[in-house]
Amino acid sequence: MAVILSLALGAAGLLGLTAVPAPAWAHPIERSLESLRDLDDQSWQLVAYHQGSGDGPMRLRLVGFPGKLRLEHPTALQVRSGPFRWSLDDLTAKNPQLSSDGRSAVAEFDLEPLLADLQQNRPLRLKLPGAIDELAVPPYLVKQWRALATSGR
């Protein structure tokens, strides 16, 4: 039974925004998970989630291909959409799991300032100096992030 539940939760997580009713002994999972390619054809996994409980602050985790790059911390994530610009704080060193992970291809950012300003599901462009020149985030993914942010509040 546990294996079937794990497979179901994993499959649901791959489909993106997930709010799965869970048995009393399990915790519901709420996150947005998507894989995108940057302009250099590097694949990145983007995971947006609430830190801690469902009403905790929103975080964005970027995961690159381990062994192909080493992300330097702290490096702010630069986000733009048309004339709008944001600089999201790098929180990787503040996460004990990530700071002790030797793969070095993971970074985590504070998504709250961006979500607080967004009033529409606008396409975004991400830049992480030294790693990502430009990564396009489509409007459907921004919509997922905004919905996830309001679902925990």
N, C-alpha and C. Protein backbone atom coordinates (compact mmCIF):
# COMPACT_ATOMS: atom_id res chain seq x y z
N MET A 1 0.83 -1.19 0.00
CA MET A 1 0.00 0.00 0.00
C MET A 1 0.88 1.25 0.00
N ALA A 2 1.94 1.25 0.81
CA ALA A 2 2.82 2.42 0.89
C ALA A 2 3.52 2.66 -0.45
N VAL A 3 3.89 1.56 -1.15
CA VAL A 3 4.55 1.70 -2.44
C VAL A 3 3.60 2.32 -3.46
N ILE A 4 2.35 1.89 -3.45
CA ILE A 4 1.36 2.43 -4.39
C ILE A 4 1.13 3.91 -4.10
N LEU A 5 1.01 4.28 -2.82
CA LEU A 5 0.81 5.68 -2.46
C LEU A 5 2.01 6.51 -2.87
N SER A 6 3.22 6.00 -2.66
CA SER A 6 4.43 6.73 -3.06
C SER A 6 4.48 6.95 -4.56
N LEU A 7 4.15 5.91 -5.34
CA LEU A 7 4.13 6.05 -6.79
C LEU A 7 3.07 7.05 -7.24
N ALA A 8 1.91 7.01 -6.62
CA ALA A 8 0.83 7.94 -6.98
C ALA A 8 1.23 9.38 -6.67
N LEU A 9 1.82 9.60 -5.49
CA LEU A 9 2.24 10.95 -5.12
C LEU A 9 3.35 11.44 -6.04
N GLY A 10 4.28 10.55 -6.38
CA GLY A 10 5.38 10.92 -7.27
C GLY A 10 4.87 11.28 -8.66
N ALA A 11 3.96 10.47 -9.20
CA ALA A 11 3.39 10.75 -10.52
C ALA A 11 2.61 12.06 -10.51
N ALA A 12 1.86 12.30 -9.45
CA ALA A 12 1.10 13.55 -9.35
C ALA A 12 2.05 14.74 -9.27
N GLY A 13 3.17 14.57 -8.57
CA GLY A 13 4.14 15.65 -8.45
C GLY A 13 4.76 16.00 -9.80
N LEU A 14 4.96 15.01 -10.68
CA LEU A 14 5.52 15.27 -11.99
C LEU A 14 4.57 16.07 -12.87
N LEU A 15 3.30 16.02 -12.57
CA LEU A 15 2.32 16.75 -13.37
C LEU A 15 2.25 18.22 -13.02
N GLY A 16 2.98 18.65 -12.00
CA GLY A 16 3.01 20.07 -11.67
C GLY A 16 2.40 20.35 -10.33
N LEU A 17 1.53 21.34 -10.28
CA LEU A 17 0.92 21.78 -9.03
C LEU A 17 0.10 20.64 -8.46
N THR A 18 0.38 20.29 -7.22
CA THR A 18 -0.24 19.13 -6.63
C THR A 18 -0.80 19.44 -5.25
N ALA A 19 -2.01 19.06 -5.04
CA ALA A 19 -2.62 19.11 -3.71
C ALA A 19 -3.33 17.79 -3.55
N VAL A 20 -2.65 16.83 -2.97
CA VAL A 20 -3.17 15.47 -2.88
C VAL A 20 -3.73 15.22 -1.49
N PRO A 21 -5.02 14.83 -1.39
CA PRO A 21 -5.51 14.45 -0.07
C PRO A 21 -4.74 13.22 0.40
N ALA A 22 -4.28 13.24 1.62
CA ALA A 22 -3.43 12.16 2.11
C ALA A 22 -4.05 11.52 3.34
N PRO A 23 -3.65 10.29 3.61
CA PRO A 23 -4.12 9.64 4.83
C PRO A 23 -3.62 10.41 6.05
N ALA A 24 -4.20 10.12 7.21
CA ALA A 24 -3.87 10.85 8.43
C ALA A 24 -2.38 10.77 8.78
N TRP A 25 -1.71 9.70 8.39
CA TRP A 25 -0.30 9.53 8.74
C TRP A 25 0.64 10.21 7.77
N ALA A 26 0.14 10.75 6.68
CA ALA A 26 1.00 11.40 5.69
C ALA A 26 0.71 12.89 5.63
N HIS A 27 1.67 13.65 5.10
CA HIS A 27 1.51 15.09 4.93
C HIS A 27 1.13 15.39 3.49
N PRO A 28 0.19 16.32 3.25
CA PRO A 28 -0.13 16.67 1.87
C PRO A 28 1.07 17.37 1.22
N ILE A 29 1.22 17.16 -0.07
CA ILE A 29 2.32 17.77 -0.81
C ILE A 29 1.75 18.86 -1.68
N GLU A 30 2.33 20.04 -1.59
CA GLU A 30 1.93 21.14 -2.45
C GLU A 30 3.19 21.78 -3.00
N ARG A 31 3.32 21.70 -4.32
CA ARG A 31 4.48 22.31 -4.96
C ARG A 31 4.21 22.41 -6.45
N SER A 32 5.04 23.18 -7.10
CA SER A 32 5.03 23.29 -8.54
C SER A 32 6.38 22.79 -9.02
N LEU A 33 6.38 21.85 -9.93
CA LEU A 33 7.61 21.24 -10.42
C LEU A 33 7.60 21.26 -11.94
N GLU A 34 8.64 21.83 -12.53
CA GLU A 34 8.70 21.91 -13.99
C GLU A 34 10.16 21.86 -14.44
N SER A 35 10.41 21.24 -15.58
CA SER A 35 11.74 21.24 -16.18
C SER A 35 11.72 22.14 -17.40
N LEU A 36 12.71 23.03 -17.48
CA LEU A 36 12.82 23.97 -18.60
C LEU A 36 14.26 23.99 -19.09
N ARG A 37 14.44 24.43 -20.33
CA ARG A 37 15.79 24.57 -20.90
C ARG A 37 16.11 26.05 -21.09
N ASP A 38 17.35 26.41 -20.75
CA ASP A 38 17.78 27.79 -20.94
C ASP A 38 18.25 28.00 -22.38
N LEU A 39 18.71 29.21 -22.69
CA LEU A 39 19.14 29.52 -24.06
C LEU A 39 20.36 28.72 -24.49
N ASP A 40 21.12 28.19 -23.53
CA ASP A 40 22.29 27.36 -23.84
C ASP A 40 21.93 25.88 -23.90
N ASP A 41 20.63 25.58 -23.89
CA ASP A 41 20.08 24.22 -23.97
C ASP A 41 20.43 23.37 -22.74
N GLN A 42 20.70 24.03 -21.62
CA GLN A 42 20.91 23.32 -20.36
C GLN A 42 19.55 23.11 -19.70
N SER A 43 19.33 21.94 -19.16
CA SER A 43 18.07 21.62 -18.51
C SER A 43 18.10 22.02 -17.04
N TRP A 44 17.02 22.64 -16.59
CA TRP A 44 16.88 23.09 -15.21
C TRP A 44 15.54 22.62 -14.67
N GLN A 45 15.54 22.17 -13.46
CA GLN A 45 14.29 21.83 -12.78
C GLN A 45 13.96 23.00 -11.84
N LEU A 46 12.73 23.49 -11.91
CA LEU A 46 12.27 24.58 -11.06
C LEU A 46 11.20 24.04 -10.13
N VAL A 47 11.43 24.20 -8.84
CA VAL A 47 10.48 23.73 -7.84
C VAL A 47 10.08 24.91 -6.97
N ALA A 48 8.80 25.25 -7.00
CA ALA A 48 8.27 26.30 -6.13
C ALA A 48 7.47 25.62 -5.03
N TYR A 49 7.68 26.04 -3.79
CA TYR A 49 7.00 25.39 -2.68
C TYR A 49 6.98 26.31 -1.46
N HIS A 50 6.12 25.96 -0.51
CA HIS A 50 6.09 26.67 0.77
C HIS A 50 7.13 26.03 1.68
N GLN A 51 7.99 26.84 2.27
CA GLN A 51 8.97 26.31 3.22
C GLN A 51 8.24 25.97 4.51
N GLY A 52 8.56 24.84 5.08
CA GLY A 52 7.91 24.43 6.33
C GLY A 52 6.48 24.03 6.08
N SER A 53 5.57 24.64 6.80
CA SER A 53 4.15 24.30 6.66
C SER A 53 3.57 24.93 5.40
N GLY A 54 2.31 24.60 5.09
CA GLY A 54 1.65 25.09 3.89
C GLY A 54 1.50 26.59 3.82
N ASP A 55 1.67 27.28 4.96
CA ASP A 55 1.57 28.73 4.93
C ASP A 55 2.92 29.40 5.14
N GLY A 56 4.00 28.60 5.02
CA GLY A 56 5.34 29.16 5.15
C GLY A 56 5.71 29.98 3.93
N PRO A 57 6.85 30.66 3.97
CA PRO A 57 7.27 31.50 2.85
C PRO A 57 7.51 30.67 1.58
N MET A 58 7.28 31.29 0.43
CA MET A 58 7.48 30.62 -0.85
C MET A 58 8.96 30.64 -1.23
N ARG A 59 9.41 29.50 -1.72
CA ARG A 59 10.79 29.33 -2.15
C ARG A 59 10.80 28.82 -3.59
N LEU A 60 11.86 29.16 -4.30
CA LEU A 60 12.09 28.63 -5.64
C LEU A 60 13.43 27.92 -5.62
N ARG A 61 13.41 26.65 -5.94
CA ARG A 61 14.63 25.86 -6.00
C ARG A 61 14.96 25.60 -7.46
N LEU A 62 16.19 25.93 -7.86
CA LEU A 62 16.69 25.64 -9.20
C LEU A 62 17.69 24.50 -9.09
N VAL A 63 17.50 23.49 -9.91
CA VAL A 63 18.38 22.32 -9.89
C VAL A 63 18.94 22.12 -11.29
N GLY A 64 20.26 22.18 -11.39
CA GLY A 64 20.93 21.94 -12.66
C GLY A 64 21.43 20.51 -12.70
N PHE A 65 22.07 20.14 -13.79
CA PHE A 65 22.60 18.79 -13.93
C PHE A 65 23.86 18.66 -13.11
N PRO A 66 23.85 17.79 -12.08
CA PRO A 66 25.05 17.63 -11.23
C PRO A 66 26.28 17.22 -12.04
N GLY A 67 27.41 17.76 -11.67
CA GLY A 67 28.66 17.42 -12.32
C GLY A 67 29.00 18.31 -13.51
N LYS A 68 27.98 18.98 -14.08
CA LYS A 68 28.23 19.84 -15.23
C LYS A 68 28.48 21.29 -14.84
N LEU A 69 28.05 21.67 -13.64
CA LEU A 69 28.26 23.04 -13.20
C LEU A 69 28.37 23.10 -11.69
N ARG A 70 28.92 24.19 -11.25
CA ARG A 70 29.03 24.45 -9.82
C ARG A 70 28.48 25.85 -9.58
N LEU A 71 27.41 25.93 -8.81
CA LEU A 71 26.80 27.22 -8.52
C LEU A 71 27.50 27.87 -7.34
N GLU A 72 27.83 29.13 -7.50
CA GLU A 72 28.46 29.89 -6.43
C GLU A 72 27.38 30.54 -5.57
N HIS A 73 27.58 30.51 -4.25
CA HIS A 73 26.60 31.10 -3.33
C HIS A 73 27.30 32.11 -2.43
N PRO A 74 26.66 33.17 -2.09
CA PRO A 74 25.33 33.60 -2.55
C PRO A 74 25.41 34.35 -3.87
N THR A 75 24.46 34.07 -4.75
CA THR A 75 24.30 34.79 -6.01
C THR A 75 22.81 35.03 -6.18
N ALA A 76 22.41 36.28 -6.27
CA ALA A 76 20.99 36.62 -6.42
C ALA A 76 20.49 36.20 -7.80
N LEU A 77 19.25 35.75 -7.83
CA LEU A 77 18.59 35.39 -9.09
C LEU A 77 17.95 36.65 -9.66
N GLN A 78 18.34 37.01 -10.88
CA GLN A 78 17.80 38.19 -11.53
C GLN A 78 16.57 37.77 -12.34
N VAL A 79 15.46 38.47 -12.14
CA VAL A 79 14.21 38.15 -12.82
C VAL A 79 13.72 39.43 -13.51
N ARG A 80 13.25 39.26 -14.75
CA ARG A 80 12.67 40.41 -15.43
C ARG A 80 11.43 39.97 -16.20
N SER A 81 10.54 40.93 -16.37
CA SER A 81 9.34 40.75 -17.17
C SER A 81 8.99 42.12 -17.73
N GLY A 82 9.23 42.29 -19.02
CA GLY A 82 9.04 43.61 -19.62
C GLY A 82 9.91 44.62 -18.90
N PRO A 83 9.33 45.73 -18.44
CA PRO A 83 10.13 46.76 -17.77
C PRO A 83 10.39 46.46 -16.28
N PHE A 84 9.81 45.40 -15.76
CA PHE A 84 9.91 45.08 -14.34
C PHE A 84 11.14 44.22 -14.06
N ARG A 85 11.78 44.48 -12.89
CA ARG A 85 12.99 43.76 -12.50
C ARG A 85 12.91 43.38 -11.03
N TRP A 86 13.43 42.19 -10.70
CA TRP A 86 13.52 41.74 -9.32
C TRP A 86 14.89 41.08 -9.13
N SER A 87 15.38 41.13 -7.91
CA SER A 87 16.59 40.42 -7.52
C SER A 87 16.21 39.57 -6.31
N LEU A 88 16.17 38.25 -6.50
CA LEU A 88 15.73 37.34 -5.44
C LEU A 88 16.92 36.84 -4.64
N ASP A 89 16.82 36.94 -3.33
CA ASP A 89 17.91 36.54 -2.44
C ASP A 89 18.19 35.04 -2.52
N ASP A 90 19.48 34.72 -2.54
CA ASP A 90 19.95 33.33 -2.52
C ASP A 90 19.90 32.83 -1.07
N LEU A 91 19.08 31.83 -0.81
CA LEU A 91 18.91 31.28 0.54
C LEU A 91 19.53 29.90 0.68
N THR A 92 20.32 29.48 -0.28
CA THR A 92 20.87 28.13 -0.30
C THR A 92 21.65 27.82 0.97
N ALA A 93 22.50 28.73 1.41
CA ALA A 93 23.34 28.49 2.60
C ALA A 93 22.52 28.40 3.87
N LYS A 94 21.31 28.94 3.87
CA LYS A 94 20.45 28.90 5.06
C LYS A 94 19.65 27.60 5.16
N ASN A 95 19.69 26.78 4.12
CA ASN A 95 18.99 25.49 4.13
C ASN A 95 20.02 24.40 4.45
N PRO A 96 19.94 23.77 5.64
CA PRO A 96 20.95 22.78 6.02
C PRO A 96 21.08 21.62 5.03
N GLN A 97 19.98 21.19 4.45
CA GLN A 97 20.04 20.08 3.48
C GLN A 97 20.83 20.48 2.23
N LEU A 98 20.60 21.69 1.76
CA LEU A 98 21.29 22.13 0.54
C LEU A 98 22.73 22.52 0.79
N SER A 99 22.99 23.17 1.92
CA SER A 99 24.36 23.62 2.20
C SER A 99 25.31 22.45 2.44
N SER A 100 24.79 21.31 2.86
CA SER A 100 25.65 20.15 3.09
C SER A 100 25.67 19.20 1.89
N ASP A 101 24.93 19.53 0.84
CA ASP A 101 24.87 18.69 -0.36
C ASP A 101 26.08 19.00 -1.23
N GLY A 102 26.89 18.01 -1.49
CA GLY A 102 28.12 18.21 -2.25
C GLY A 102 27.95 18.32 -3.75
N ARG A 103 26.73 18.17 -4.27
CA ARG A 103 26.55 18.20 -5.72
C ARG A 103 26.70 19.60 -6.30
N SER A 104 26.46 20.64 -5.56
CA SER A 104 26.72 22.03 -5.95
C SER A 104 25.93 22.52 -7.16
N ALA A 105 24.90 21.81 -7.58
CA ALA A 105 24.13 22.23 -8.75
C ALA A 105 22.72 22.65 -8.34
N VAL A 106 22.57 23.08 -7.08
CA VAL A 106 21.26 23.46 -6.56
C VAL A 106 21.36 24.85 -5.93
N ALA A 107 20.32 25.64 -6.14
CA ALA A 107 20.23 26.94 -5.51
C ALA A 107 18.78 27.18 -5.10
N GLU A 108 18.60 27.91 -4.02
CA GLU A 108 17.24 28.19 -3.54
C GLU A 108 17.10 29.69 -3.28
N PHE A 109 15.92 30.22 -3.68
CA PHE A 109 15.70 31.65 -3.64
C PHE A 109 14.37 32.00 -2.96
N ASP A 110 14.32 33.21 -2.43
CA ASP A 110 13.11 33.74 -1.81
C ASP A 110 12.19 34.21 -2.93
N LEU A 111 11.06 33.55 -3.10
CA LEU A 111 10.12 33.86 -4.18
C LEU A 111 9.08 34.91 -3.77
N GLU A 112 9.03 35.23 -2.47
CA GLU A 112 8.02 36.15 -1.94
C GLU A 112 8.01 37.53 -2.61
N PRO A 113 9.15 38.21 -2.78
CA PRO A 113 9.11 39.56 -3.39
C PRO A 113 8.51 39.56 -4.79
N LEU A 114 8.84 38.55 -5.57
CA LEU A 114 8.32 38.45 -6.93
C LEU A 114 6.81 38.23 -6.90
N LEU A 115 6.35 37.27 -6.11
CA LEU A 115 4.93 36.95 -6.07
C LEU A 115 4.10 38.08 -5.49
N ALA A 116 4.69 38.85 -4.59
CA ALA A 116 3.96 39.99 -4.00
C ALA A 116 3.70 41.07 -5.05
N ASP A 117 4.59 41.20 -6.04
CA ASP A 117 4.46 42.24 -7.06
C ASP A 117 3.64 41.81 -8.28
N LEU A 118 3.62 40.51 -8.57
CA LEU A 118 2.95 40.06 -9.79
C LEU A 118 1.44 40.17 -9.66
N GLN A 119 0.83 40.84 -10.60
CA GLN A 119 -0.63 40.96 -10.65
C GLN A 119 -1.21 40.18 -11.82
N GLN A 120 -0.34 39.69 -12.70
CA GLN A 120 -0.74 38.93 -13.88
C GLN A 120 0.21 37.76 -14.06
N ASN A 121 -0.22 36.81 -14.89
CA ASN A 121 0.61 35.65 -15.19
C ASN A 121 1.50 35.99 -16.39
N ARG A 122 2.46 36.87 -16.13
CA ARG A 122 3.36 37.36 -17.16
C ARG A 122 4.52 36.38 -17.37
N PRO A 123 5.03 36.26 -18.60
CA PRO A 123 6.24 35.46 -18.81
C PRO A 123 7.42 36.13 -18.10
N LEU A 124 8.30 35.32 -17.59
CA LEU A 124 9.47 35.82 -16.86
C LEU A 124 10.75 35.36 -17.55
N ARG A 125 11.82 36.09 -17.32
CA ARG A 125 13.16 35.71 -17.78
C ARG A 125 14.05 35.66 -16.54
N LEU A 126 14.70 34.51 -16.33
CA LEU A 126 15.58 34.33 -15.18
C LEU A 126 17.03 34.38 -15.64
N LYS A 127 17.87 34.99 -14.81
CA LYS A 127 19.32 35.02 -15.06
C LYS A 127 20.02 34.76 -13.74
N LEU A 128 20.93 33.80 -13.76
CA LEU A 128 21.74 33.50 -12.59
C LEU A 128 23.20 33.65 -13.02
N PRO A 129 23.83 34.78 -12.65
CA PRO A 129 25.20 35.05 -13.11
C PRO A 129 26.13 33.85 -12.89
N GLY A 130 26.85 33.50 -13.95
CA GLY A 130 27.78 32.38 -13.88
C GLY A 130 27.16 31.03 -14.20
N ALA A 131 25.81 30.98 -14.35
CA ALA A 131 25.17 29.69 -14.61
C ALA A 131 24.09 29.76 -15.69
N ILE A 132 23.21 30.75 -15.60
CA ILE A 132 22.09 30.86 -16.54
C ILE A 132 22.13 32.24 -17.18
N ASP A 133 22.29 32.27 -18.51
CA ASP A 133 22.23 33.55 -19.22
C ASP A 133 20.78 34.00 -19.35
N GLU A 134 19.89 33.08 -19.74
CA GLU A 134 18.47 33.40 -19.80
C GLU A 134 17.65 32.11 -19.80
N LEU A 135 16.69 32.06 -18.90
CA LEU A 135 15.77 30.94 -18.80
C LEU A 135 14.36 31.51 -18.84
N ALA A 136 13.61 31.16 -19.87
CA ALA A 136 12.25 31.67 -20.03
C ALA A 136 11.28 30.85 -19.18
N VAL A 137 10.48 31.56 -18.40
CA VAL A 137 9.43 30.93 -17.58
C VAL A 137 8.09 31.31 -18.21
N PRO A 138 7.35 30.33 -18.73
CA PRO A 138 6.10 30.63 -19.42
C PRO A 138 4.98 31.04 -18.46
N PRO A 139 3.98 31.75 -18.97
CA PRO A 139 2.88 32.23 -18.13
C PRO A 139 2.14 31.14 -17.35
N TYR A 140 1.99 29.93 -17.94
CA TYR A 140 1.28 28.87 -17.20
C TYR A 140 2.02 28.50 -15.92
N LEU A 141 3.35 28.58 -15.94
CA LEU A 141 4.11 28.24 -14.73
C LEU A 141 4.00 29.37 -13.70
N VAL A 142 4.00 30.60 -14.16
CA VAL A 142 3.79 31.74 -13.25
C VAL A 142 2.41 31.62 -12.60
N LYS A 143 1.43 31.20 -13.37
CA LYS A 143 0.07 31.00 -12.83
C LYS A 143 0.09 29.95 -11.72
N GLN A 144 0.83 28.85 -11.94
CA GLN A 144 0.94 27.81 -10.90
C GLN A 144 1.56 28.38 -9.63
N TRP A 145 2.63 29.15 -9.77
CA TRP A 145 3.30 29.73 -8.61
C TRP A 145 2.36 30.65 -7.84
N ARG A 146 1.64 31.49 -8.57
CA ARG A 146 0.72 32.43 -7.92
C ARG A 146 -0.41 31.68 -7.21
N ALA A 147 -0.93 30.62 -7.84
CA ALA A 147 -2.01 29.83 -7.22
C ALA A 147 -1.48 29.13 -5.97
N LEU A 148 -0.28 28.59 -6.04
CA LEU A 148 0.30 27.92 -4.89
C LEU A 148 0.53 28.90 -3.75
N ALA A 149 0.96 30.10 -4.07
CA ALA A 149 1.21 31.13 -3.04
C ALA A 149 -0.07 31.48 -2.32
N THR A 150 -1.17 31.60 -3.03
CA THR A 150 -2.44 31.98 -2.39
C THR A 150 -3.13 30.80 -1.72
N SER A 151 -2.79 29.56 -2.12
CA SER A 151 -3.45 28.40 -1.51
C SER A 151 -3.02 28.19 -0.06
N GLY A 152 -1.83 28.64 0.31
CA GLY A 152 -1.34 28.45 1.67
C GLY A 152 -1.69 29.59 2.61
N ARG A 153 -2.31 30.62 2.09
CA ARG A 153 -2.58 31.80 2.91
C ARG A 153 -4.02 31.85 3.36
